[in-house]
Amino acid sequence: MKVGFAVETNEGIESKVYGHFGSAPVFLIVEKGTDTVSAVHNRDTHHTHGACNPIKALDGNRVDAMVVGGIGAGALRKLNAMGIRVFGAAAPSVKENLLLLNENKLRELTADHACRAHQGECGH
């Protein structure tokens, strides 16, 4: 299983989860089981509000799940339509969130959890 994380800088497994999927500078992709980590620079940081393109953002890389600090409803729907489950980060680092994900302790996000017009609900 490949799990993506929206992060600000690539510090490997110690990277801090970023506050919003669409504007995250980097995505880390962790292969569960081997803990192989790869970094993908967000190719869609300059999209207009509400027009995030997750396929472009991930530069065509495939993940099974994404862990984010926040996400807009449009991006969430697009990721879900691609078969990608989206979880809200519950700890600062990738490492901590991986442990929580393995223990089924991360909340899967729905449209009700999406950021609403950048009004501070997701911390970005």
C-alpha atoms as a PDB file:
ATOM      1  CA  MET A   1       0.000   0.000   0.000  1.00  0.00           C
ATOM      2  CA  LYS A   2       1.315   3.443  -0.946  1.00  0.00           C
ATOM      3  CA  VAL A   3       0.429   6.327   1.342  1.00  0.00           C
ATOM      4  CA  GLY A   4       0.934   9.941   0.320  1.00  0.00           C
ATOM      5  CA  PHE A   5       1.543  12.805   2.725  1.00  0.00           C
ATOM      6  CA  ALA A   6       1.220  16.516   1.972  1.00  0.00           C
ATOM      7  CA  VAL A   7       4.354  18.116   3.494  1.00  0.00           C
ATOM      8  CA  GLU A   8       6.134  21.460   3.397  1.00  0.00           C
ATOM      9  CA  THR A   9       9.694  20.158   3.088  1.00  0.00           C
ATOM     10  CA  ASN A  10      11.203  16.745   2.452  1.00  0.00           C
ATOM     11  CA  GLU A  11      12.716  15.601   5.715  1.00  0.00           C
ATOM     12  CA  GLY A  12      11.932  11.966   5.027  1.00  0.00           C
ATOM     13  CA  ILE A  13       9.814  10.148   7.573  1.00  0.00           C
ATOM     14  CA  GLU A  14      10.348  13.030  10.045  1.00  0.00           C
ATOM     15  CA  SER A  15       8.658  15.532   7.677  1.00  0.00           C
ATOM     16  CA  LYS A  16       5.840  17.611   9.122  1.00  0.00           C
ATOM     17  CA  VAL A  17       2.392  17.266   7.570  1.00  0.00           C
ATOM     18  CA  TYR A  18       1.345  20.436   5.733  1.00  0.00           C
ATOM     19  CA  GLY A  19      -1.892  22.293   6.452  1.00  0.00           C
ATOM     20  CA  HIS A  20      -3.506  21.951   3.027  1.00  0.00           C
ATOM     21  CA  PHE A  21      -3.276  19.380   0.238  1.00  0.00           C
ATOM     22  CA  GLY A  22      -3.553  21.688  -2.780  1.00  0.00           C
ATOM     23  CA  SER A  23      -0.812  24.109  -1.788  1.00  0.00           C
ATOM     24  CA  ALA A  24       1.606  21.609  -0.222  1.00  0.00           C
ATOM     25  CA  PRO A  25       5.032  22.102  -1.823  1.00  0.00           C
ATOM     26  CA  VAL A  26       5.920  18.402  -1.611  1.00  0.00           C
ATOM     27  CA  PHE A  27       4.208  15.043  -1.340  1.00  0.00           C
ATOM     28  CA  LEU A  28       5.965  12.142   0.312  1.00  0.00           C
ATOM     29  CA  ILE A  29       4.956   8.682  -0.807  1.00  0.00           C
ATOM     30  CA  VAL A  30       5.636   5.892   1.674  1.00  0.00           C
ATOM     31  CA  GLU A  31       5.415   2.237   0.674  1.00  0.00           C
ATOM     32  CA  LYS A  32       3.989   0.494   3.734  1.00  0.00           C
ATOM     33  CA  GLY A  33       5.841  -2.671   4.623  1.00  0.00           C
ATOM     34  CA  THR A  34       9.175  -1.548   3.197  1.00  0.00           C
ATOM     35  CA  ASP A  35       8.925   2.070   4.439  1.00  0.00           C
ATOM     36  CA  THR A  36      10.488   3.207   1.162  1.00  0.00           C
ATOM     37  CA  VAL A  37      10.031   6.980   0.888  1.00  0.00           C
ATOM     38  CA  SER A  38       9.990   9.038  -2.298  1.00  0.00           C
ATOM     39  CA  ALA A  39       9.316  12.748  -2.755  1.00  0.00           C
ATOM     40  CA  VAL A  40       7.194  14.382  -5.456  1.00  0.00           C
ATOM     41  CA  HIS A  41       7.132  18.144  -5.912  1.00  0.00           C
ATOM     42  CA  ASN A  42       3.605  19.498  -6.276  1.00  0.00           C
ATOM     43  CA  ARG A  43       3.084  20.278  -9.965  1.00  0.00           C
ATOM     44  CA  ASP A  44      -0.167  22.157  -9.305  1.00  0.00           C
ATOM     45  CA  THR A  45       0.571  24.699  -6.558  1.00  0.00           C
ATOM     46  CA  HIS A  46      -0.587  27.661  -8.642  1.00  0.00           C
ATOM     47  CA  HIS A  47      -4.098  26.428  -9.441  1.00  0.00           C
ATOM     48  CA  THR A  48      -7.061  28.726  -8.962  1.00  0.00           C
ATOM     49  CA  HIS A  49      -9.074  28.199  -5.798  1.00  0.00           C
ATOM     50  CA  GLY A  50     -11.304  25.151  -6.139  1.00  0.00           C
ATOM     51  CA  ALA A  51      -9.546  23.862  -9.263  1.00  0.00           C
ATOM     52  CA  CYS A  52      -6.929  21.567  -7.714  1.00  0.00           C
ATOM     53  CA  ASN A  53      -5.896  18.723 -10.014  1.00  0.00           C
ATOM     54  CA  PRO A  54      -4.627  15.851  -7.826  1.00  0.00           C
ATOM     55  CA  ILE A  55      -3.266  13.877 -10.788  1.00  0.00           C
ATOM     56  CA  LYS A  56      -1.182  16.866 -11.867  1.00  0.00           C
ATOM     57  CA  ALA A  57      -0.215  17.683  -8.273  1.00  0.00           C
ATOM     58  CA  LEU A  58       1.084  14.142  -7.704  1.00  0.00           C
ATOM     59  CA  ASP A  59       2.846  14.228 -11.087  1.00  0.00           C
ATOM     60  CA  GLY A  60       1.082  11.016 -12.116  1.00  0.00           C
ATOM     61  CA  ASN A  61       2.232   9.014  -9.072  1.00  0.00           C
ATOM     62  CA  ARG A  62      -0.350   6.566  -7.744  1.00  0.00           C
ATOM     63  CA  VAL A  63      -1.202   6.248  -4.051  1.00  0.00           C
ATOM     64  CA  ASP A  64      -3.831   4.219  -2.210  1.00  0.00           C
ATOM     65  CA  ALA A  65      -4.323   6.744   0.588  1.00  0.00           C
ATOM     66  CA  MET A  66      -3.428  10.361   1.325  1.00  0.00           C
ATOM     67  CA  VAL A  67      -2.868  11.936   4.744  1.00  0.00           C
ATOM     68  CA  VAL A  68      -3.415  15.689   4.886  1.00  0.00           C
ATOM     69  CA  GLY A  69      -3.632  18.534   7.365  1.00  0.00           C
ATOM     70  CA  GLY A  70      -6.557  19.959   5.381  1.00  0.00           C
ATOM     71  CA  ILE A  71      -8.140  19.614   1.950  1.00  0.00           C
ATOM     72  CA  GLY A  72     -10.811  21.312  -0.125  1.00  0.00           C
ATOM     73  CA  ALA A  73     -13.994  19.487  -1.082  1.00  0.00           C
ATOM     74  CA  GLY A  74     -13.136  19.437  -4.803  1.00  0.00           C
ATOM     75  CA  ALA A  75      -9.730  17.840  -4.297  1.00  0.00           C
ATOM     76  CA  LEU A  76     -11.201  15.387  -1.812  1.00  0.00           C
ATOM     77  CA  ARG A  77     -13.896  14.319  -4.304  1.00  0.00           C
ATOM     78  CA  LYS A  78     -11.329  13.966  -7.087  1.00  0.00           C
ATOM     79  CA  LEU A  79      -9.023  11.820  -4.951  1.00  0.00           C
ATOM     80  CA  ASN A  80     -11.954   9.656  -3.844  1.00  0.00           C
ATOM     81  CA  ALA A  81     -13.060   9.268  -7.475  1.00  0.00           C
ATOM     82  CA  MET A  82      -9.573   7.913  -8.209  1.00  0.00           C
ATOM     83  CA  GLY A  83     -10.062   5.310  -5.464  1.00  0.00           C
ATOM     84  CA  ILE A  84      -7.804   7.151  -3.002  1.00  0.00           C
ATOM     85  CA  ARG A  85      -8.904   7.269   0.624  1.00  0.00           C
ATOM     86  CA  VAL A  86      -8.106  10.557   2.390  1.00  0.00           C
ATOM     87  CA  PHE A  87      -7.297  10.767   6.084  1.00  0.00           C
ATOM     88  CA  GLY A  88      -6.860  13.741   8.382  1.00  0.00           C
ATOM     89  CA  ALA A  89      -3.484  13.993  10.073  1.00  0.00           C
ATOM     90  CA  ALA A  90      -3.686  13.587  13.855  1.00  0.00           C
ATOM     91  CA  ALA A  91      -0.014  14.182  14.664  1.00  0.00           C
ATOM     92  CA  PRO A  92       2.695  16.538  13.389  1.00  0.00           C
ATOM     93  CA  SER A  93       5.002  14.103  11.564  1.00  0.00           C
ATOM     94  CA  VAL A  94       4.717  11.556   8.775  1.00  0.00           C
ATOM     95  CA  LYS A  95       6.210   8.931  11.093  1.00  0.00           C
ATOM     96  CA  GLU A  96       3.612   9.497  13.819  1.00  0.00           C
ATOM     97  CA  ASN A  97       0.728   9.515  11.333  1.00  0.00           C
ATOM     98  CA  LEU A  98       1.951   6.274   9.763  1.00  0.00           C
ATOM     99  CA  LEU A  99       1.807   4.624  13.180  1.00  0.00           C
ATOM    100  CA  LEU A 100      -1.712   5.971  13.733  1.00  0.00           C
ATOM    101  CA  LEU A 101      -2.804   4.819  10.276  1.00  0.00           C
ATOM    102  CA  ASN A 102      -1.466   1.321  10.984  1.00  0.00           C
ATOM    103  CA  GLU A 103      -3.529   1.305  14.197  1.00  0.00           C
ATOM    104  CA  ASN A 104      -6.664   2.538  12.335  1.00  0.00           C
ATOM    105  CA  LYS A 105      -6.642   5.722  14.434  1.00  0.00           C
ATOM    106  CA  LEU A 106      -6.816   8.310  11.634  1.00  0.00           C
ATOM    107  CA  ARG A 107     -10.210   9.701  10.637  1.00  0.00           C
ATOM    108  CA  GLU A 108     -11.176   9.192   7.015  1.00  0.00           C
ATOM    109  CA  LEU A 109     -12.299  12.544   5.638  1.00  0.00           C
ATOM    110  CA  THR A 110     -15.589  13.244   3.903  1.00  0.00           C
ATOM    111  CA  ALA A 111     -16.917  16.401   2.259  1.00  0.00           C
ATOM    112  CA  ASP A 112     -18.136  17.473   5.720  1.00  0.00           C
ATOM    113  CA  HIS A 113     -14.491  17.659   6.843  1.00  0.00           C
ATOM    114  CA  ALA A 114     -13.258  19.664   3.851  1.00  0.00           C
ATOM    115  CA  CYS A 115     -11.970  23.210   4.191  1.00  0.00           C
ATOM    116  CA  ARG A 116     -14.634  25.817   3.596  1.00  0.00           C
ATOM    117  CA  ALA A 117     -13.378  28.711   1.483  1.00  0.00           C
ATOM    118  CA  HIS A 118     -10.140  29.052   3.445  1.00  0.00           C
ATOM    119  CA  GLN A 119     -11.873  30.412   6.548  1.00  0.00           C
ATOM    120  CA  GLY A 120      -9.411  28.912   8.993  1.00  0.00           C
ATOM    121  CA  GLU A 121     -11.188  25.576   9.514  1.00  0.00           C
ATOM    122  CA  CYS A 122      -8.147  23.568   8.430  1.00  0.00           C
ATOM    123  CA  GLY A 123      -5.324  25.700   9.760  1.00  0.00           C
ATOM    124  CA  HIS A 124      -3.904  27.130   6.567  1.00  0.00           C
END
